[in-house]
């Protein structure tokens, strides 16, 4: 996690200065800020700056950020790195709202209400990204979905501070996005030719 130190308005959106513990950064690299892929425009040993456009502010929770806010920060995945969650692009699809929180042992089950147009991308045991955190969808309802937060996730991410009514950046699974787009465009599942076993070939009458 990092901390928002400064926010300034720009002609096209807003500029954020964030405290970090990454060490050396690279000008122009991508960093996910609460799940939103942003470009580093300046940095020093303890802070870096990014800019968010009007469109980014419109569709994400970054519009509500104020100095002092804690944020989930993640650098881009490098080829060869271990993939502990699922592929995340940092392209936020919409905002989900916390509907309820229920303790389950030491974990917490959270129910979210997503935008209606994103419900088709959510499936039980599928993947979803909330404020940049890769999570497994436990269950899907007609108007919501549930995830389970273990103590470690609550401790090292901002999700541990969620309350009823909190808004989070939601990114649907990229595979679900492409499958739904393909089907909505009139695509159909391919029909594969039936395979003939080696035994059937041997028993087939000669001509």
C-alpha atoms as a PDB file:
ATOM      1  CA  UNK A   1       0.000   0.000   0.000  1.00  0.00           C
ATOM      2  CA  UNK A   2       0.985   3.613  -0.559  1.00  0.00           C
ATOM      3  CA  UNK A   3      -0.357   6.985   0.557  1.00  0.00           C
ATOM      4  CA  UNK A   4      -1.699   9.875  -1.489  1.00  0.00           C
ATOM      5  CA  UNK A   5       0.383  12.907  -0.530  1.00  0.00           C
ATOM      6  CA  UNK A   6      -0.931  15.546  -2.922  1.00  0.00           C
ATOM      7  CA  UNK A   7      -3.702  16.073  -5.451  1.00  0.00           C
ATOM      8  CA  UNK A   8      -3.759  18.861  -8.018  1.00  0.00           C
ATOM      9  CA  UNK A   9      -6.201  19.676 -10.771  1.00  0.00           C
ATOM     10  CA  UNK A  10      -5.037  19.820 -14.391  1.00  0.00           C
ATOM     11  CA  UNK A  11      -6.672  20.984 -17.612  1.00  0.00           C
ATOM     12  CA  UNK A  12      -7.506  17.394 -18.495  1.00  0.00           C
ATOM     13  CA  UNK A  13      -8.072  15.749 -15.117  1.00  0.00           C
ATOM     14  CA  UNK A  14      -5.936  15.455 -11.993  1.00  0.00           C
ATOM     15  CA  UNK A  15      -2.341  14.819 -10.934  1.00  0.00           C
ATOM     16  CA  UNK A  16      -1.579  12.622  -7.937  1.00  0.00           C
ATOM     17  CA  UNK A  17       1.625  12.456  -5.905  1.00  0.00           C
ATOM     18  CA  UNK A  18       1.930   9.145  -4.083  1.00  0.00           C
ATOM     19  CA  UNK A  19       4.322   7.847  -1.458  1.00  0.00           C
ATOM     20  CA  UNK A  20       5.889   4.501  -2.367  1.00  0.00           C
ATOM     21  CA  UNK A  21       8.439   1.950  -1.204  1.00  0.00           C
ATOM     22  CA  UNK A  22       9.369   0.471  -4.602  1.00  0.00           C
ATOM     23  CA  UNK A  23      12.899   1.802  -4.688  1.00  0.00           C
ATOM     24  CA  UNK A  24      14.113   2.902  -8.121  1.00  0.00           C
ATOM     25  CA  UNK A  25      11.353   3.549 -10.655  1.00  0.00           C
ATOM     26  CA  UNK A  26      11.470   4.205 -14.398  1.00  0.00           C
ATOM     27  CA  UNK A  27       9.998   7.255 -16.094  1.00  0.00           C
ATOM     28  CA  UNK A  28       6.986   6.177 -18.155  1.00  0.00           C
ATOM     29  CA  UNK A  29       6.452   2.818 -16.447  1.00  0.00           C
ATOM     30  CA  UNK A  30       2.957   1.650 -15.545  1.00  0.00           C
ATOM     31  CA  UNK A  31       1.775   1.321 -11.962  1.00  0.00           C
ATOM     32  CA  UNK A  32      -1.674   0.159 -10.930  1.00  0.00           C
ATOM     33  CA  UNK A  33      -3.193   2.563  -8.401  1.00  0.00           C
ATOM     34  CA  UNK A  34      -6.212   0.889  -6.782  1.00  0.00           C
ATOM     35  CA  UNK A  35      -6.401  -1.201  -9.929  1.00  0.00           C
ATOM     36  CA  UNK A  36      -6.128   1.702 -12.377  1.00  0.00           C
ATOM     37  CA  UNK A  37      -3.172   1.512 -14.776  1.00  0.00           C
ATOM     38  CA  UNK A  38      -1.390   4.894 -14.698  1.00  0.00           C
ATOM     39  CA  UNK A  39       1.894   6.192 -16.110  1.00  0.00           C
ATOM     40  CA  UNK A  40       4.724   7.486 -13.912  1.00  0.00           C
ATOM     41  CA  UNK A  41       5.467  11.061 -15.037  1.00  0.00           C
ATOM     42  CA  UNK A  42       8.008  11.952 -12.316  1.00  0.00           C
ATOM     43  CA  UNK A  43       9.523  10.298  -9.245  1.00  0.00           C
ATOM     44  CA  UNK A  44      12.106  10.511  -6.483  1.00  0.00           C
ATOM     45  CA  UNK A  45      13.231   8.118  -3.766  1.00  0.00           C
ATOM     46  CA  UNK A  46       9.937   8.182  -1.853  1.00  0.00           C
ATOM     47  CA  UNK A  47       7.218   9.559  -4.161  1.00  0.00           C
ATOM     48  CA  UNK A  48       6.014   9.378  -7.742  1.00  0.00           C
ATOM     49  CA  UNK A  49       3.506  11.353  -9.807  1.00  0.00           C
ATOM     50  CA  UNK A  50       0.778  10.128 -12.147  1.00  0.00           C
ATOM     51  CA  UNK A  51      -1.996  11.836 -14.087  1.00  0.00           C
ATOM     52  CA  UNK A  52      -5.605  10.703 -14.468  1.00  0.00           C
ATOM     53  CA  UNK A  53      -7.747  11.912 -17.350  1.00  0.00           C
ATOM     54  CA  UNK A  54     -11.322  13.145 -17.037  1.00  0.00           C
ATOM     55  CA  UNK A  55     -12.522   9.771 -18.357  1.00  0.00           C
ATOM     56  CA  UNK A  56     -10.499   7.887 -15.725  1.00  0.00           C
ATOM     57  CA  UNK A  57     -11.920  10.082 -12.988  1.00  0.00           C
ATOM     58  CA  UNK A  58     -15.432   9.548 -14.342  1.00  0.00           C
ATOM     59  CA  UNK A  59     -15.377   5.736 -14.276  1.00  0.00           C
ATOM     60  CA  UNK A  60     -13.157   5.011 -11.251  1.00  0.00           C
ATOM     61  CA  UNK A  61     -12.991   5.812  -7.553  1.00  0.00           C
ATOM     62  CA  UNK A  62      -9.919   8.012  -8.085  1.00  0.00           C
ATOM     63  CA  UNK A  63     -12.250  10.995  -8.387  1.00  0.00           C
ATOM     64  CA  UNK A  64     -12.978  10.764  -4.653  1.00  0.00           C
ATOM     65  CA  UNK A  65      -9.361  10.485  -3.462  1.00  0.00           C
ATOM     66  CA  UNK A  66      -8.079  13.010  -0.955  1.00  0.00           C
ATOM     67  CA  UNK A  67      -4.589  13.437   0.554  1.00  0.00           C
ATOM     68  CA  UNK A  68      -3.910  10.844   3.230  1.00  0.00           C
ATOM     69  CA  UNK A  69      -5.836   8.073   1.456  1.00  0.00           C
ATOM     70  CA  UNK A  70      -4.265   4.613   1.445  1.00  0.00           C
ATOM     71  CA  UNK A  71      -3.965   2.963  -1.967  1.00  0.00           C
ATOM     72  CA  UNK A  72      -3.095  -0.439  -3.388  1.00  0.00           C
ATOM     73  CA  UNK A  73      -0.002  -0.102  -5.593  1.00  0.00           C
ATOM     74  CA  UNK A  74       1.396  -2.693  -7.989  1.00  0.00           C
ATOM     75  CA  UNK A  75       4.071  -2.524 -10.652  1.00  0.00           C
ATOM     76  CA  UNK A  76       3.570  -4.189 -14.027  1.00  0.00           C
ATOM     77  CA  UNK A  77       4.130  -7.929 -14.328  1.00  0.00           C
ATOM     78  CA  UNK A  78       7.409  -8.913 -15.981  1.00  0.00           C
ATOM     79  CA  UNK A  79       7.770 -11.877 -18.293  1.00  0.00           C
ATOM     80  CA  UNK A  80       9.060 -14.765 -16.220  1.00  0.00           C
ATOM     81  CA  UNK A  81       7.431 -13.593 -12.974  1.00  0.00           C
ATOM     82  CA  UNK A  82       5.168 -15.951 -11.070  1.00  0.00           C
ATOM     83  CA  UNK A  83       1.481 -15.293 -11.751  1.00  0.00           C
ATOM     84  CA  UNK A  84      -0.133 -15.718  -8.355  1.00  0.00           C
ATOM     85  CA  UNK A  85      -3.581 -14.455  -9.341  1.00  0.00           C
ATOM     86  CA  UNK A  86      -4.995 -13.902 -12.837  1.00  0.00           C
ATOM     87  CA  UNK A  87      -4.140 -11.597 -15.739  1.00  0.00           C
ATOM     88  CA  UNK A  88      -5.109  -8.019 -14.857  1.00  0.00           C
ATOM     89  CA  UNK A  89      -4.853  -5.160 -17.347  1.00  0.00           C
ATOM     90  CA  UNK A  90      -5.590  -2.180 -15.109  1.00  0.00           C
ATOM     91  CA  UNK A  91      -8.515  -1.147 -17.348  1.00  0.00           C
ATOM     92  CA  UNK A  92     -11.380  -0.572 -14.924  1.00  0.00           C
ATOM     93  CA  UNK A  93     -14.852  -1.511 -16.172  1.00  0.00           C
ATOM     94  CA  UNK A  94     -16.931   0.179 -13.480  1.00  0.00           C
ATOM     95  CA  UNK A  95     -17.592   0.677  -9.791  1.00  0.00           C
ATOM     96  CA  UNK A  96     -18.981  -1.979  -7.457  1.00  0.00           C
ATOM     97  CA  UNK A  97     -20.615  -1.049  -4.138  1.00  0.00           C
ATOM     98  CA  UNK A  98     -20.279  -2.992  -0.892  1.00  0.00           C
ATOM     99  CA  UNK A  99     -23.721  -4.274   0.091  1.00  0.00           C
ATOM    100  CA  UNK A 100     -22.867  -6.343   3.160  1.00  0.00           C
ATOM    101  CA  UNK A 101     -19.981  -7.749   5.196  1.00  0.00           C
ATOM    102  CA  UNK A 102     -20.304 -10.964   7.203  1.00  0.00           C
ATOM    103  CA  UNK A 103     -17.573 -12.560   9.348  1.00  0.00           C
ATOM    104  CA  UNK A 104     -16.908 -16.226   8.562  1.00  0.00           C
ATOM    105  CA  UNK A 105     -14.402 -17.447  11.128  1.00  0.00           C
ATOM    106  CA  UNK A 106     -11.363 -15.193  10.736  1.00  0.00           C
ATOM    107  CA  UNK A 107     -12.353 -14.242   7.188  1.00  0.00           C
ATOM    108  CA  UNK A 108     -15.008 -11.847   5.920  1.00  0.00           C
ATOM    109  CA  UNK A 109     -17.549 -12.564   3.187  1.00  0.00           C
ATOM    110  CA  UNK A 110     -18.353  -9.393   1.251  1.00  0.00           C
ATOM    111  CA  UNK A 111     -21.301  -8.975  -1.090  1.00  0.00           C
ATOM    112  CA  UNK A 112     -20.936  -6.393  -3.860  1.00  0.00           C
ATOM    113  CA  UNK A 113     -23.475  -4.836  -6.188  1.00  0.00           C
ATOM    114  CA  UNK A 114     -21.863  -4.398  -9.625  1.00  0.00           C
ATOM    115  CA  UNK A 115     -23.169  -2.313 -12.532  1.00  0.00           C
ATOM    116  CA  UNK A 116     -25.947  -4.241 -14.292  1.00  0.00           C
ATOM    117  CA  UNK A 117     -24.024  -4.373 -17.575  1.00  0.00           C
ATOM    118  CA  UNK A 118     -21.104  -6.199 -15.922  1.00  0.00           C
ATOM    119  CA  UNK A 119     -23.052  -9.021 -14.262  1.00  0.00           C
ATOM    120  CA  UNK A 120     -22.726 -11.316 -17.282  1.00  0.00           C
ATOM    121  CA  UNK A 121     -18.929 -11.364 -16.843  1.00  0.00           C
ATOM    122  CA  UNK A 122     -19.085 -12.734 -13.284  1.00  0.00           C
ATOM    123  CA  UNK A 123     -19.176 -16.482 -12.677  1.00  0.00           C
ATOM    124  CA  UNK A 124     -18.839 -18.642  -9.543  1.00  0.00           C
ATOM    125  CA  UNK A 125     -15.174 -19.596  -9.016  1.00  0.00           C
ATOM    126  CA  UNK A 126     -14.178 -17.150 -11.732  1.00  0.00           C
ATOM    127  CA  UNK A 127     -11.807 -14.230 -11.217  1.00  0.00           C
ATOM    128  CA  UNK A 128     -12.466 -10.574 -10.519  1.00  0.00           C
ATOM    129  CA  UNK A 129     -10.253  -7.597  -9.664  1.00  0.00           C
ATOM    130  CA  UNK A 130     -11.374  -5.208  -6.933  1.00  0.00           C
ATOM    131  CA  UNK A 131      -9.245  -2.095  -6.316  1.00  0.00           C
ATOM    132  CA  UNK A 132      -6.392  -3.954  -7.994  1.00  0.00           C
ATOM    133  CA  UNK A 133      -6.692  -7.111  -5.868  1.00  0.00           C
ATOM    134  CA  UNK A 134      -7.145 -10.408  -7.724  1.00  0.00           C
ATOM    135  CA  UNK A 135      -9.934 -12.396  -6.049  1.00  0.00           C
ATOM    136  CA  UNK A 136     -12.055 -15.493  -6.624  1.00  0.00           C
ATOM    137  CA  UNK A 137     -15.814 -15.047  -7.027  1.00  0.00           C
ATOM    138  CA  UNK A 138     -17.431 -17.255  -4.386  1.00  0.00           C
ATOM    139  CA  UNK A 139     -21.016 -16.890  -5.505  1.00  0.00           C
ATOM    140  CA  UNK A 140     -23.127 -14.907  -7.946  1.00  0.00           C
ATOM    141  CA  UNK A 141     -26.661 -13.662  -7.299  1.00  0.00           C
ATOM    142  CA  UNK A 142     -29.126 -11.981  -9.604  1.00  0.00           C
ATOM    143  CA  UNK A 143     -27.972  -8.542  -8.467  1.00  0.00           C
ATOM    144  CA  UNK A 144     -24.606  -9.129  -6.821  1.00  0.00           C
ATOM    145  CA  UNK A 145     -21.607 -11.333  -6.159  1.00  0.00           C
ATOM    146  CA  UNK A 146     -19.581 -12.442  -3.160  1.00  0.00           C
ATOM    147  CA  UNK A 147     -15.887 -12.758  -2.378  1.00  0.00           C
ATOM    148  CA  UNK A 148     -14.076 -13.976   0.731  1.00  0.00           C
ATOM    149  CA  UNK A 149     -11.269 -11.949   2.270  1.00  0.00           C
ATOM    150  CA  UNK A 150      -8.749 -13.868   4.362  1.00  0.00           C
ATOM    151  CA  UNK A 151      -6.953 -12.035   7.212  1.00  0.00           C
ATOM    152  CA  UNK A 152      -3.775 -11.530   5.145  1.00  0.00           C
ATOM    153  CA  UNK A 153      -5.659  -9.787   2.327  1.00  0.00           C
ATOM    154  CA  UNK A 154      -7.428  -7.505   4.799  1.00  0.00           C
ATOM    155  CA  UNK A 155      -4.108  -6.641   6.419  1.00  0.00           C
ATOM    156  CA  UNK A 156      -1.981  -5.832   3.363  1.00  0.00           C
ATOM    157  CA  UNK A 157      -4.586  -4.169   1.096  1.00  0.00           C
ATOM    158  CA  UNK A 158      -7.142  -1.400   1.441  1.00  0.00           C
ATOM    159  CA  UNK A 159      -9.981  -3.949   1.259  1.00  0.00           C
ATOM    160  CA  UNK A 160      -9.681  -4.451   5.002  1.00  0.00           C
ATOM    161  CA  UNK A 161     -11.126  -0.957   5.543  1.00  0.00           C
ATOM    162  CA  UNK A 162     -14.251  -1.465   3.413  1.00  0.00           C
ATOM    163  CA  UNK A 163     -17.639  -0.684   4.920  1.00  0.00           C
ATOM    164  CA  UNK A 164     -21.201  -0.905   3.607  1.00  0.00           C
ATOM    165  CA  UNK A 165     -21.541   1.639   0.823  1.00  0.00           C
ATOM    166  CA  UNK A 166     -17.838   1.710  -0.089  1.00  0.00           C
ATOM    167  CA  UNK A 167     -17.087   1.881  -3.816  1.00  0.00           C
ATOM    168  CA  UNK A 168     -14.315  -0.180  -5.430  1.00  0.00           C
ATOM    169  CA  UNK A 169     -12.853  -0.289  -8.925  1.00  0.00           C
ATOM    170  CA  UNK A 170     -14.019  -3.452 -10.686  1.00  0.00           C
ATOM    171  CA  UNK A 171     -12.199  -5.092 -13.583  1.00  0.00           C
ATOM    172  CA  UNK A 172     -13.791  -8.214 -15.041  1.00  0.00           C
ATOM    173  CA  UNK A 173     -11.741 -11.226 -16.099  1.00  0.00           C
ATOM    174  CA  UNK A 174     -10.214 -10.639 -19.535  1.00  0.00           C
ATOM    175  CA  UNK A 175     -11.212 -14.122 -20.757  1.00  0.00           C
ATOM    176  CA  UNK A 176     -14.839 -13.510 -19.783  1.00  0.00           C
ATOM    177  CA  UNK A 177     -14.712 -10.179 -21.616  1.00  0.00           C
ATOM    178  CA  UNK A 178     -13.584 -11.747 -24.890  1.00  0.00           C
ATOM    179  CA  UNK A 179     -15.945 -14.732 -24.686  1.00  0.00           C
ATOM    180  CA  UNK A 180     -18.976 -12.512 -24.029  1.00  0.00           C
ATOM    181  CA  UNK A 181     -17.970 -10.116 -26.817  1.00  0.00           C
ATOM    182  CA  UNK A 182     -17.556 -13.013 -29.257  1.00  0.00           C
ATOM    183  CA  UNK A 183     -20.949 -14.484 -28.410  1.00  0.00           C
ATOM    184  CA  UNK A 184     -22.733 -11.112 -28.426  1.00  0.00           C
ATOM    185  CA  UNK A 185     -21.331 -10.490 -31.922  1.00  0.00           C
ATOM    186  CA  UNK A 186     -23.054 -13.656 -33.168  1.00  0.00           C
ATOM    187  CA  UNK A 187     -20.184 -16.055 -32.731  1.00  0.00           C
ATOM    188  CA  UNK A 188     -20.862 -19.702 -31.944  1.00  0.00           C
ATOM    189  CA  UNK A 189     -18.811 -22.407 -30.324  1.00  0.00           C
ATOM    190  CA  UNK A 190     -16.796 -24.328 -32.932  1.00  0.00           C
ATOM    191  CA  UNK A 191     -17.936 -27.842 -33.757  1.00  0.00           C
ATOM    192  CA  UNK A 192     -14.935 -30.153 -33.707  1.00  0.00           C
ATOM    193  CA  UNK A 193     -14.894 -33.249 -35.919  1.00  0.00           C
ATOM    194  CA  UNK A 194     -15.519 -36.493 -34.092  1.00  0.00           C
ATOM    195  CA  UNK A 195     -12.302 -38.334 -33.344  1.00  0.00           C
ATOM    196  CA  UNK A 196     -11.890 -41.942 -34.389  1.00  0.00           C
ATOM    197  CA  UNK A 197      -9.992 -44.119 -31.960  1.00  0.00           C
ATOM    198  CA  UNK A 198      -7.049 -46.223 -33.094  1.00  0.00           C
ATOM    199  CA  UNK A 199      -9.040 -49.354 -32.222  1.00  0.00           C
ATOM    200  CA  UNK A 200     -11.915 -48.266 -34.469  1.00  0.00           C
ATOM    201  CA  UNK A 201      -9.484 -47.697 -37.315  1.00  0.00           C
ATOM    202  CA  UNK A 202      -8.031 -51.195 -36.927  1.00  0.00           C
ATOM    203  CA  UNK A 203     -11.499 -52.774 -36.843  1.00  0.00           C
ATOM    204  CA  UNK A 204     -12.819 -50.766 -39.788  1.00  0.00           C
ATOM    205  CA  UNK A 205     -13.568 -53.121 -42.757  1.00  0.00           C
ATOM    206  CA  UNK A 206     -11.099 -52.758 -45.594  1.00  0.00           C
ATOM    207  CA  UNK A 207     -12.384 -51.603 -48.996  1.00  0.00           C
END
